[in-house]
PDB file of N, CA and C in Angstrom:
ATOM      1  N   UNK A   1      75.505   9.591 -34.593  1.00  0.00           N
ATOM      2  CA  UNK A   1      76.062   8.831 -33.025  1.00  0.00           C
ATOM      3  C   UNK A   1      73.835   9.490 -32.699  1.00  0.00           C
ATOM      4  N   UNK A   2      73.618   7.835 -32.252  1.00  0.00           N
ATOM      5  CA  UNK A   2      72.255   8.727 -31.373  1.00  0.00           C
ATOM      6  C   UNK A   2      72.721   8.775 -30.089  1.00  0.00           C
ATOM      7  N   UNK A   3      71.468  10.227 -29.711  1.00  0.00           N
ATOM      8  CA  UNK A   3      71.778  10.666 -28.141  1.00  0.00           C
ATOM      9  C   UNK A   3      71.300   9.548 -27.145  1.00  0.00           C
ATOM     10  N   UNK A   4      71.421  10.079 -26.413  1.00  0.00           N
ATOM     11  CA  UNK A   4      70.899   9.105 -24.844  1.00  0.00           C
ATOM     12  C   UNK A   4      69.372   8.690 -24.946  1.00  0.00           C
ATOM     13  N   UNK A   5      68.457   9.550 -25.109  1.00  0.00           N
ATOM     14  CA  UNK A   5      67.047   8.884 -25.419  1.00  0.00           C
ATOM     15  C   UNK A   5      66.749   8.218 -25.888  1.00  0.00           C
ATOM     16  N   UNK A   6      67.119   8.128 -27.093  1.00  0.00           N
ATOM     17  CA  UNK A   6      66.575   7.472 -28.911  1.00  0.00           C
ATOM     18  C   UNK A   6      66.834   6.010 -28.479  1.00  0.00           C
ATOM     19  N   UNK A   7      68.701   5.645 -27.836  1.00  0.00           N
ATOM     20  CA  UNK A   7      69.499   4.740 -27.309  1.00  0.00           C
ATOM     21  C   UNK A   7      68.509   4.108 -26.825  1.00  0.00           C
ATOM     22  N   UNK A   8      67.618   4.678 -25.110  1.00  0.00           N
ATOM     23  CA  UNK A   8      66.583   4.690 -24.087  1.00  0.00           C
ATOM     24  C   UNK A   8      65.072   4.124 -25.107  1.00  0.00           C
ATOM     25  N   UNK A   9      65.237   4.353 -25.923  1.00  0.00           N
ATOM     26  CA  UNK A   9      64.094   4.508 -26.308  1.00  0.00           C
ATOM     27  C   UNK A   9      64.479   2.914 -27.418  1.00  0.00           C
ATOM     28  N   UNK A  10      65.494   2.424 -28.083  1.00  0.00           N
ATOM     29  CA  UNK A  10      65.143   1.378 -28.694  1.00  0.00           C
ATOM     30  C   UNK A  10      65.183   0.397 -27.913  1.00  0.00           C
ATOM     31  N   UNK A  11      66.166   0.750 -26.869  1.00  0.00           N
ATOM     32  CA  UNK A  11      66.158  -0.259 -25.814  1.00  0.00           C
ATOM     33  C   UNK A  11      64.616  -0.737 -25.059  1.00  0.00           C
ATOM     34  N   UNK A  12      63.996   0.051 -24.815  1.00  0.00           N
ATOM     35  CA  UNK A  12      62.839  -0.036 -24.219  1.00  0.00           C
ATOM     36  C   UNK A  12      61.905  -0.627 -25.489  1.00  0.00           C
ATOM     37  N   UNK A  13      61.979   0.207 -27.079  1.00  0.00           N
ATOM     38  CA  UNK A  13      61.171  -0.764 -27.644  1.00  0.00           C
ATOM     39  C   UNK A  13      61.763  -2.425 -28.548  1.00  0.00           C
ATOM     40  N   UNK A  14      63.488  -3.075 -27.839  1.00  0.00           N
ATOM     41  CA  UNK A  14      63.562  -4.039 -27.973  1.00  0.00           C
ATOM     42  C   UNK A  14      63.776  -4.684 -26.754  1.00  0.00           C
ATOM     43  N   UNK A  15      63.085  -4.266 -25.628  1.00  0.00           N
ATOM     44  CA  UNK A  15      62.478  -5.262 -24.876  1.00  0.00           C
ATOM     45  C   UNK A  15      61.275  -5.826 -24.594  1.00  0.00           C
ATOM     46  N   UNK A  16      60.149  -4.498 -25.253  1.00  0.00           N
ATOM     47  CA  UNK A  16      59.128  -4.777 -25.163  1.00  0.00           C
ATOM     48  C   UNK A  16      58.807  -5.798 -26.276  1.00  0.00           C
ATOM     49  N   UNK A  17      59.649  -6.096 -27.187  1.00  0.00           N
ATOM     50  CA  UNK A  17      58.980  -6.926 -28.074  1.00  0.00           C
ATOM     51  C   UNK A  17      59.500  -8.180 -27.777  1.00  0.00           C
ATOM     52  N   UNK A  18      61.138  -8.687 -27.294  1.00  0.00           N
ATOM     53  CA  UNK A  18      61.103  -9.309 -26.549  1.00  0.00           C
ATOM     54  C   UNK A  18      59.973 -10.387 -25.561  1.00  0.00           C
ATOM     55  N   UNK A  19      59.506  -9.263 -24.932  1.00  0.00           N
ATOM     56  CA  UNK A  19      58.654  -9.487 -23.963  1.00  0.00           C
ATOM     57  C   UNK A  19      56.989 -10.219 -24.685  1.00  0.00           C
ATOM     58  N   UNK A  20      56.814  -9.393 -25.434  1.00  0.00           N
ATOM     59  CA  UNK A  20      55.631  -9.954 -26.344  1.00  0.00           C
ATOM     60  C   UNK A  20      56.035 -11.427 -27.288  1.00  0.00           C
ATOM     61  N   UNK A  21      57.190 -11.921 -27.593  1.00  0.00           N
ATOM     62  CA  UNK A  21      57.816 -12.809 -28.184  1.00  0.00           C
ATOM     63  C   UNK A  21      57.645 -13.891 -27.327  1.00  0.00           C
ATOM     64  N   UNK A  22      57.751 -14.152 -26.031  1.00  0.00           N
ATOM     65  CA  UNK A  22      58.339 -14.819 -25.029  1.00  0.00           C
ATOM     66  C   UNK A  22      56.383 -15.106 -24.795  1.00  0.00           C
ATOM     67  N   UNK A  23      55.664 -13.806 -24.445  1.00  0.00           N
ATOM     68  CA  UNK A  23      54.445 -14.342 -24.274  1.00  0.00           C
ATOM     69  C   UNK A  23      53.635 -15.848 -25.619  1.00  0.00           C
ATOM     70  N   UNK A  24      53.980 -14.775 -26.625  1.00  0.00           N
ATOM     71  CA  UNK A  24      53.741 -15.352 -27.926  1.00  0.00           C
ATOM     72  C   UNK A  24      54.105 -17.462 -27.370  1.00  0.00           C
ATOM     73  N   UNK A  25      55.257 -17.236 -27.163  1.00  0.00           N
ATOM     74  CA  UNK A  25      55.949 -18.589 -27.233  1.00  0.00           C
ATOM     75  C   UNK A  25      54.921 -19.166 -26.446  1.00  0.00           C
ATOM     76  N   UNK A  26      54.865 -19.031 -24.872  1.00  0.00           N
ATOM     77  CA  UNK A  26      54.522 -19.624 -23.994  1.00  0.00           C
ATOM     78  C   UNK A  26      53.151 -20.037 -24.145  1.00  0.00           C
ATOM     79  N   UNK A  27      52.187 -19.021 -25.316  1.00  0.00           N
ATOM     80  CA  UNK A  27      50.797 -19.563 -25.056  1.00  0.00           C
ATOM     81  C   UNK A  27      50.923 -21.145 -26.038  1.00  0.00           C
ATOM     82  N   UNK A  28      51.979 -20.839 -26.624  1.00  0.00           N
ATOM     83  CA  UNK A  28      51.875 -21.810 -27.962  1.00  0.00           C
ATOM     84  C   UNK A  28      52.197 -23.059 -27.852  1.00  0.00           C
ATOM     85  N   UNK A  29      53.017 -23.423 -25.901  1.00  0.00           N
ATOM     86  CA  UNK A  29      53.554 -24.530 -25.359  1.00  0.00           C
ATOM     87  C   UNK A  29      52.404 -24.708 -24.821  1.00  0.00           C
ATOM     88  N   UNK A  30      51.154 -24.377 -23.956  1.00  0.00           N
ATOM     89  CA  UNK A  30      49.812 -24.796 -23.067  1.00  0.00           C
ATOM     90  C   UNK A  30      49.193 -25.977 -24.157  1.00  0.00           C
ATOM     91  N   UNK A  31      48.765 -26.619 -23.310  1.00  0.00           N
ATOM     92  CA  UNK A  31      48.684 -28.379 -24.017  1.00  0.00           C
ATOM     93  C   UNK A  31      47.220 -27.672 -24.021  1.00  0.00           C
ATOM     94  N   UNK A  32      46.363 -28.424 -25.331  1.00  0.00           N
ATOM     95  CA  UNK A  32      45.262 -28.168 -25.837  1.00  0.00           C
ATOM     96  C   UNK A  32      44.567 -29.193 -25.188  1.00  0.00           C
ATOM     97  N   UNK A  33      42.926 -29.161 -24.839  1.00  0.00           N
ATOM     98  CA  UNK A  33      42.241 -30.269 -24.560  1.00  0.00           C
ATOM     99  C   UNK A  33      41.745 -30.745 -25.731  1.00  0.00           C
ATOM    100  N   UNK A  34      40.634 -31.543 -26.039  1.00  0.00           N
ATOM    101  CA  UNK A  34      39.940 -32.263 -26.971  1.00  0.00           C
ATOM    102  C   UNK A  34      38.825 -30.885 -27.156  1.00  0.00           C
ATOM    103  N   UNK A  35      38.404 -30.604 -27.935  1.00  0.00           N
ATOM    104  CA  UNK A  35      36.923 -30.143 -27.431  1.00  0.00           C
ATOM    105  C   UNK A  35      37.631 -28.644 -26.839  1.00  0.00           C
ATOM    106  N   UNK A  36      38.609 -28.455 -27.618  1.00  0.00           N
ATOM    107  CA  UNK A  36      38.875 -26.458 -27.404  1.00  0.00           C
ATOM    108  C   UNK A  36      37.611 -25.948 -28.326  1.00  0.00           C
ATOM    109  N   UNK A  37      37.589 -24.973 -27.599  1.00  0.00           N
ATOM    110  CA  UNK A  37      37.044 -23.768 -28.269  1.00  0.00           C
ATOM    111  C   UNK A  37      35.009 -23.510 -28.478  1.00  0.00           C
ATOM    112  N   UNK A  38      34.646 -25.155 -27.229  1.00  0.00           N
ATOM    113  CA  UNK A  38      33.649 -25.060 -27.136  1.00  0.00           C
ATOM    114  C   UNK A  38      33.441 -24.187 -26.058  1.00  0.00           C
ATOM    115  N   UNK A  39      32.348 -23.364 -25.452  1.00  0.00           N
ATOM    116  CA  UNK A  39      32.134 -22.954 -24.363  1.00  0.00           C
ATOM    117  C   UNK A  39      32.558 -23.741 -22.974  1.00  0.00           C
ATOM    118  N   UNK A  40      32.831 -22.833 -22.144  1.00  0.00           N
ATOM    119  CA  UNK A  40      33.380 -23.690 -20.711  1.00  0.00           C
ATOM    120  C   UNK A  40      32.344 -23.622 -20.009  1.00  0.00           C
ATOM    121  N   UNK A  41      31.078 -23.491 -20.425  1.00  0.00           N
ATOM    122  CA  UNK A  41      29.601 -23.422 -19.316  1.00  0.00           C
ATOM    123  C   UNK A  41      28.703 -24.404 -20.171  1.00  0.00           C
ATOM    124  N   UNK A  42      27.936 -25.166 -19.008  1.00  0.00           N
ATOM    125  CA  UNK A  42      26.968 -25.673 -19.457  1.00  0.00           C
ATOM    126  C   UNK A  42      25.406 -24.639 -19.408  1.00  0.00           C
ATOM    127  N   UNK A  43      24.478 -24.640 -20.763  1.00  0.00           N
ATOM    128  CA  UNK A  43      22.899 -23.906 -20.137  1.00  0.00           C
ATOM    129  C   UNK A  43      21.728 -24.874 -19.767  1.00  0.00           C
ATOM    130  N   UNK A  44      21.366 -24.564 -18.646  1.00  0.00           N
ATOM    131  CA  UNK A  44      20.159 -25.742 -17.877  1.00  0.00           C
ATOM    132  C   UNK A  44      19.351 -25.085 -17.762  1.00  0.00           C
ATOM    133  N   UNK A  45      18.297 -25.513 -18.206  1.00  0.00           N
ATOM    134  CA  UNK A  45      16.727 -25.650 -18.910  1.00  0.00           C
ATOM    135  C   UNK A  45      16.285 -24.841 -17.445  1.00  0.00           C
ATOM    136  N   UNK A  46      15.663 -23.787 -17.883  1.00  0.00           N
ATOM    137  CA  UNK A  46      14.807 -23.666 -16.227  1.00  0.00           C
ATOM    138  C   UNK A  46      13.922 -24.375 -16.260  1.00  0.00           C
ATOM    139  N   UNK A  47      13.371 -24.002 -14.626  1.00  0.00           N
ATOM    140  CA  UNK A  47      12.793 -24.880 -14.145  1.00  0.00           C
ATOM    141  C   UNK A  47      10.843 -24.451 -14.789  1.00  0.00           C
ATOM    142  N   UNK A  48       9.727 -25.136 -14.904  1.00  0.00           N
ATOM    143  CA  UNK A  48       8.998 -23.776 -15.371  1.00  0.00           C
ATOM    144  C   UNK A  48       7.889 -24.006 -14.142  1.00  0.00           C
ATOM    145  N   UNK A  49       6.724 -23.565 -13.726  1.00  0.00           N
ATOM    146  CA  UNK A  49       5.991 -23.716 -12.575  1.00  0.00           C
ATOM    147  C   UNK A  49       5.726 -25.129 -11.910  1.00  0.00           C
ATOM    148  N   UNK A  50       5.710 -25.626 -12.853  1.00  0.00           N
ATOM    149  CA  UNK A  50       4.614 -27.115 -12.648  1.00  0.00           C
ATOM    150  C   UNK A  50       5.378 -27.760 -12.511  1.00  0.00           C
ATOM    151  N   UNK A  51       7.306 -28.254 -12.684  1.00  0.00           N
ATOM    152  CA  UNK A  51       8.167 -28.584 -12.782  1.00  0.00           C
ATOM    153  C   UNK A  51       8.718 -28.743 -10.915  1.00  0.00           C
ATOM    154  N   UNK A  52       8.185 -28.022 -10.547  1.00  0.00           N
ATOM    155  CA  UNK A  52       8.809 -27.600  -8.844  1.00  0.00           C
ATOM    156  C   UNK A  52       7.871 -28.603  -8.132  1.00  0.00           C
ATOM    157  N   UNK A  53       9.005 -29.067  -7.274  1.00  0.00           N
ATOM    158  CA  UNK A  53       8.708 -29.855  -5.670  1.00  0.00           C
ATOM    159  C   UNK A  53       7.137 -29.294  -4.985  1.00  0.00           C
ATOM    160  N   UNK A  54       5.791 -29.579  -4.912  1.00  0.00           N
ATOM    161  CA  UNK A  54       5.223 -29.227  -3.846  1.00  0.00           C
ATOM    162  C   UNK A  54       5.476 -28.883  -2.693  1.00  0.00           C
ATOM    163  N   UNK A  55       6.585 -30.111  -2.677  1.00  0.00           N
ATOM    164  CA  UNK A  55       7.119 -28.803  -0.217  1.00  0.00           C
ATOM    165  C   UNK A  55       8.074 -27.239  -1.320  1.00  0.00           C
ATOM    166  N   UNK A  56       7.979 -27.630  -2.361  1.00  0.00           N
ATOM    167  CA  UNK A  56       8.897 -26.483  -2.711  1.00  0.00           C
ATOM    168  C   UNK A  56       7.928 -24.818  -3.017  1.00  0.00           C
ATOM    169  N   UNK A  57       6.700 -25.324  -3.222  1.00  0.00           N
ATOM    170  CA  UNK A  57       5.495 -24.559  -3.588  1.00  0.00           C
ATOM    171  C   UNK A  57       4.889 -23.810  -2.067  1.00  0.00           C
ATOM    172  N   UNK A  58       4.965 -22.672  -2.043  1.00  0.00           N
ATOM    173  CA  UNK A  58       4.304 -21.717  -0.794  1.00  0.00           C
ATOM    174  C   UNK A  58       3.370 -21.122  -1.440  1.00  0.00           C
ATOM    175  N   UNK A  59       2.399 -21.614  -0.551  1.00  0.00           N
ATOM    176  CA  UNK A  59       0.501 -20.795  -0.807  1.00  0.00           C
ATOM    177  C   UNK A  59       1.280 -19.585  -0.594  1.00  0.00           C
ATOM    178  N   UNK A  60       0.170 -18.773  -1.507  1.00  0.00           N
ATOM    179  CA  UNK A  60       0.105 -16.856  -1.510  1.00  0.00           C
ATOM    180  C   UNK A  60      -0.742 -16.582  -0.767  1.00  0.00           C
ATOM    181  N   UNK A  61      -0.646 -17.238   0.342  1.00  0.00           N
ATOM    182  CA  UNK A  61      -1.525 -16.171   1.220  1.00  0.00           C
ATOM    183  C   UNK A  61      -0.844 -14.956   1.517  1.00  0.00           C
ATOM    184  N   UNK A  62      -1.646 -14.007   2.123  1.00  0.00           N
ATOM    185  CA  UNK A  62      -1.420 -12.617   1.696  1.00  0.00           C
ATOM    186  C   UNK A  62      -0.543 -12.303   3.049  1.00  0.00           C
ATOM    187  N   UNK A  63       1.057 -12.460   3.325  1.00  0.00           N
ATOM    188  CA  UNK A  63       1.509 -11.885   4.342  1.00  0.00           C
ATOM    189  C   UNK A  63       2.089 -10.715   4.230  1.00  0.00           C
ATOM    190  N   UNK A  64       2.551  -9.903   5.960  1.00  0.00           N
ATOM    191  CA  UNK A  64       2.598  -8.725   6.380  1.00  0.00           C
ATOM    192  C   UNK A  64       3.838  -8.629   6.045  1.00  0.00           C
ATOM    193  N   UNK A  65       4.018  -7.030   5.375  1.00  0.00           N
ATOM    194  CA  UNK A  65       5.310  -6.646   4.426  1.00  0.00           C
ATOM    195  C   UNK A  65       6.656  -6.964   5.607  1.00  0.00           C
ATOM    196  N   UNK A  66       7.488  -7.442   5.318  1.00  0.00           N
ATOM    197  CA  UNK A  66       9.150  -7.935   5.816  1.00  0.00           C
ATOM    198  C   UNK A  66       8.743  -9.245   7.281  1.00  0.00           C
ATOM    199  N   UNK A  67       7.344  -9.826   7.554  1.00  0.00           N
ATOM    200  CA  UNK A  67       7.687 -10.548   8.073  1.00  0.00           C
ATOM    201  C   UNK A  67       8.458 -11.634   7.220  1.00  0.00           C
ATOM    202  N   UNK A  68       8.588 -13.035   8.288  1.00  0.00           N
ATOM    203  CA  UNK A  68       9.769 -14.346   8.131  1.00  0.00           C
ATOM    204  C   UNK A  68       8.996 -14.248   6.867  1.00  0.00           C
ATOM    205  N   UNK A  69       7.487 -15.099   6.910  1.00  0.00           N
ATOM    206  CA  UNK A  69       6.310 -15.725   5.905  1.00  0.00           C
ATOM    207  C   UNK A  69       6.730 -14.326   4.088  1.00  0.00           C
ATOM    208  N   UNK A  70       6.470 -13.361   4.698  1.00  0.00           N
ATOM    209  CA  UNK A  70       6.547 -12.769   3.327  1.00  0.00           C
ATOM    210  C   UNK A  70       8.136 -12.635   2.834  1.00  0.00           C
ATOM    211  N   UNK A  71       9.143 -13.091   3.321  1.00  0.00           N
ATOM    212  CA  UNK A  71      10.143 -12.755   2.817  1.00  0.00           C
ATOM    213  C   UNK A  71      10.619 -14.031   2.532  1.00  0.00           C
ATOM    214  N   UNK A  72       9.859 -15.449   2.432  1.00  0.00           N
ATOM    215  CA  UNK A  72      10.009 -16.794   1.750  1.00  0.00           C
ATOM    216  C   UNK A  72       9.250 -16.939   0.751  1.00  0.00           C
ATOM    217  N   UNK A  73       8.406 -16.164   0.872  1.00  0.00           N
ATOM    218  CA  UNK A  73       7.511 -15.548  -0.098  1.00  0.00           C
ATOM    219  C   UNK A  73       7.786 -15.330  -1.521  1.00  0.00           C
ATOM    220  N   UNK A  74       8.661 -13.886  -1.326  1.00  0.00           N
ATOM    221  CA  UNK A  74       9.502 -13.462  -1.997  1.00  0.00           C
ATOM    222  C   UNK A  74      10.927 -14.409  -2.710  1.00  0.00           C
ATOM    223  N   UNK A  75      11.451 -15.106  -1.754  1.00  0.00           N
ATOM    224  CA  UNK A  75      12.611 -15.746  -2.268  1.00  0.00           C
ATOM    225  C   UNK A  75      12.012 -16.695  -3.451  1.00  0.00           C
ATOM    226  N   UNK A  76      10.407 -16.414  -3.378  1.00  0.00           N
ATOM    227  CA  UNK A  76      10.078 -17.985  -4.484  1.00  0.00           C
ATOM    228  C   UNK A  76       9.457 -17.335  -5.504  1.00  0.00           C
ATOM    229  N   UNK A  77       9.580 -15.923  -5.596  1.00  0.00           N
ATOM    230  CA  UNK A  77       8.424 -14.910  -6.486  1.00  0.00           C
ATOM    231  C   UNK A  77      10.248 -15.207  -7.537  1.00  0.00           C
ATOM    232  N   UNK A  78       9.388 -15.382  -9.244  1.00  0.00           N
ATOM    233  CA  UNK A  78      10.362 -15.359 -10.225  1.00  0.00           C
ATOM    234  C   UNK A  78      10.652 -13.724 -10.144  1.00  0.00           C
ATOM    235  N   UNK A  79      12.079 -13.371 -10.574  1.00  0.00           N
ATOM    236  CA  UNK A  79      12.306 -11.592 -10.684  1.00  0.00           C
ATOM    237  C   UNK A  79      11.627 -11.382 -11.233  1.00  0.00           C
ATOM    238  N   UNK A  80      11.093 -11.800 -12.939  1.00  0.00           N
ATOM    239  CA  UNK A  80      10.605 -11.075 -13.333  1.00  0.00           C
ATOM    240  C   UNK A  80       8.923  -9.604 -12.799  1.00  0.00           C
ATOM    241  N   UNK A  81       8.686 -10.639 -11.534  1.00  0.00           N
ATOM    242  CA  UNK A  81       7.338 -10.476 -10.741  1.00  0.00           C
ATOM    243  C   UNK A  81       7.763  -8.936  -9.278  1.00  0.00           C
ATOM    244  N   UNK A  82       8.980  -8.966  -9.321  1.00  0.00           N
ATOM    245  CA  UNK A  82       9.153  -8.191  -8.530  1.00  0.00           C
ATOM    246  C   UNK A  82       9.009  -6.798  -9.592  1.00  0.00           C
ATOM    247  N   UNK A  83       8.267  -5.928  -7.896  1.00  0.00           N
ATOM    248  CA  UNK A  83       8.874  -4.184  -7.644  1.00  0.00           C
ATOM    249  C   UNK A  83       9.529  -3.391  -7.838  1.00  0.00           C
ATOM    250  N   UNK A  84       9.680  -2.204  -7.454  1.00  0.00           N
ATOM    251  CA  UNK A  84      11.407  -1.853  -7.164  1.00  0.00           C
ATOM    252  C   UNK A  84      10.898  -1.558  -5.531  1.00  0.00           C
ATOM    253  N   UNK A  85      10.032  -1.222  -5.350  1.00  0.00           N
ATOM    254  CA  UNK A  85       9.241  -1.380  -3.545  1.00  0.00           C
ATOM    255  C   UNK A  85       9.798  -2.878  -3.085  1.00  0.00           C
ATOM    256  N   UNK A  86       9.098  -3.958  -3.833  1.00  0.00           N
ATOM    257  CA  UNK A  86       9.574  -4.747  -2.990  1.00  0.00           C
ATOM    258  C   UNK A  86      11.118  -5.181  -3.085  1.00  0.00           C
ATOM    259  N   UNK A  87      12.143  -4.878  -4.016  1.00  0.00           N
ATOM    260  CA  UNK A  87      13.308  -5.508  -3.942  1.00  0.00           C
ATOM    261  C   UNK A  87      13.966  -4.417  -2.633  1.00  0.00           C
ATOM    262  N   UNK A  88      13.367  -3.180  -2.483  1.00  0.00           N
ATOM    263  CA  UNK A  88      13.940  -2.690  -1.097  1.00  0.00           C
ATOM    264  C   UNK A  88      13.467  -3.248   0.237  1.00  0.00           C
ATOM    265  N   UNK A  89      11.944  -3.119   0.074  1.00  0.00           N
ATOM    266  CA  UNK A  89      11.497  -4.688   1.283  1.00  0.00           C
ATOM    267  C   UNK A  89      12.297  -5.650   1.908  1.00  0.00           C
ATOM    268  N   UNK A  90      12.939  -5.871   0.284  1.00  0.00           N
ATOM    269  CA  UNK A  90      13.371  -7.001   0.940  1.00  0.00           C
ATOM    270  C   UNK A  90      14.558  -6.966   1.646  1.00  0.00           C
ATOM    271  N   UNK A  91      15.528  -6.104   0.974  1.00  0.00           N
ATOM    272  CA  UNK A  91      16.596  -5.626   1.174  1.00  0.00           C
ATOM    273  C   UNK A  91      16.775  -5.496   2.018  1.00  0.00           C
ATOM    274  N   UNK A  92      15.699  -4.699   3.290  1.00  0.00           N
ATOM    275  CA  UNK A  92      15.719  -4.343   4.343  1.00  0.00           C
ATOM    276  C   UNK A  92      15.166  -4.635   5.150  1.00  0.00           C
ATOM    277  N   UNK A  93      14.402  -5.657   5.232  1.00  0.00           N
ATOM    278  CA  UNK A  93      14.089  -6.437   6.248  1.00  0.00           C
ATOM    279  C   UNK A  93      14.516  -8.262   5.868  1.00  0.00           C
ATOM    280  N   UNK A  94      14.679  -8.961   4.696  1.00  0.00           N
ATOM    281  CA  UNK A  94      14.690 -10.092   4.934  1.00  0.00           C
ATOM    282  C   UNK A  94      16.419 -10.156   4.631  1.00  0.00           C
ATOM    283  N   UNK A  95      17.402  -9.580   4.306  1.00  0.00           N
ATOM    284  CA  UNK A  95      18.665  -9.480   3.837  1.00  0.00           C
ATOM    285  C   UNK A  95      19.881  -9.048   4.816  1.00  0.00           C
ATOM    286  N   UNK A  96      18.995  -7.819   5.978  1.00  0.00           N
ATOM    287  CA  UNK A  96      19.997  -7.394   6.893  1.00  0.00           C
ATOM    288  C   UNK A  96      19.618  -8.121   8.434  1.00  0.00           C
ATOM    289  N   UNK A  97      18.582  -9.453   8.573  1.00  0.00           N
ATOM    290  CA  UNK A  97      18.548  -9.453   9.912  1.00  0.00           C
ATOM    291  C   UNK A  97      19.918 -10.202  10.666  1.00  0.00           C
TER     292      UNK A  97
END
């Protein structure tokens, strides 16, 4: 005869197997759409500097660090050209107004 802890173990194993089987069954009942397996996102091409409209481009006139003009210039500056100090100053002066 099985002791109390062995019976409890077998009951829990049975419950776990039933839960697993119910989950597999529910997954098998999901409707499939045509094109399944394709990525759920679309990769858009990156704009080149020459592709940006004229009204968006901001002249690179030296502006006072932390000024509104400087913040606007930094928003349009490519991420690869930012220095650590630029990011810190931008966060301090432009994000928390």
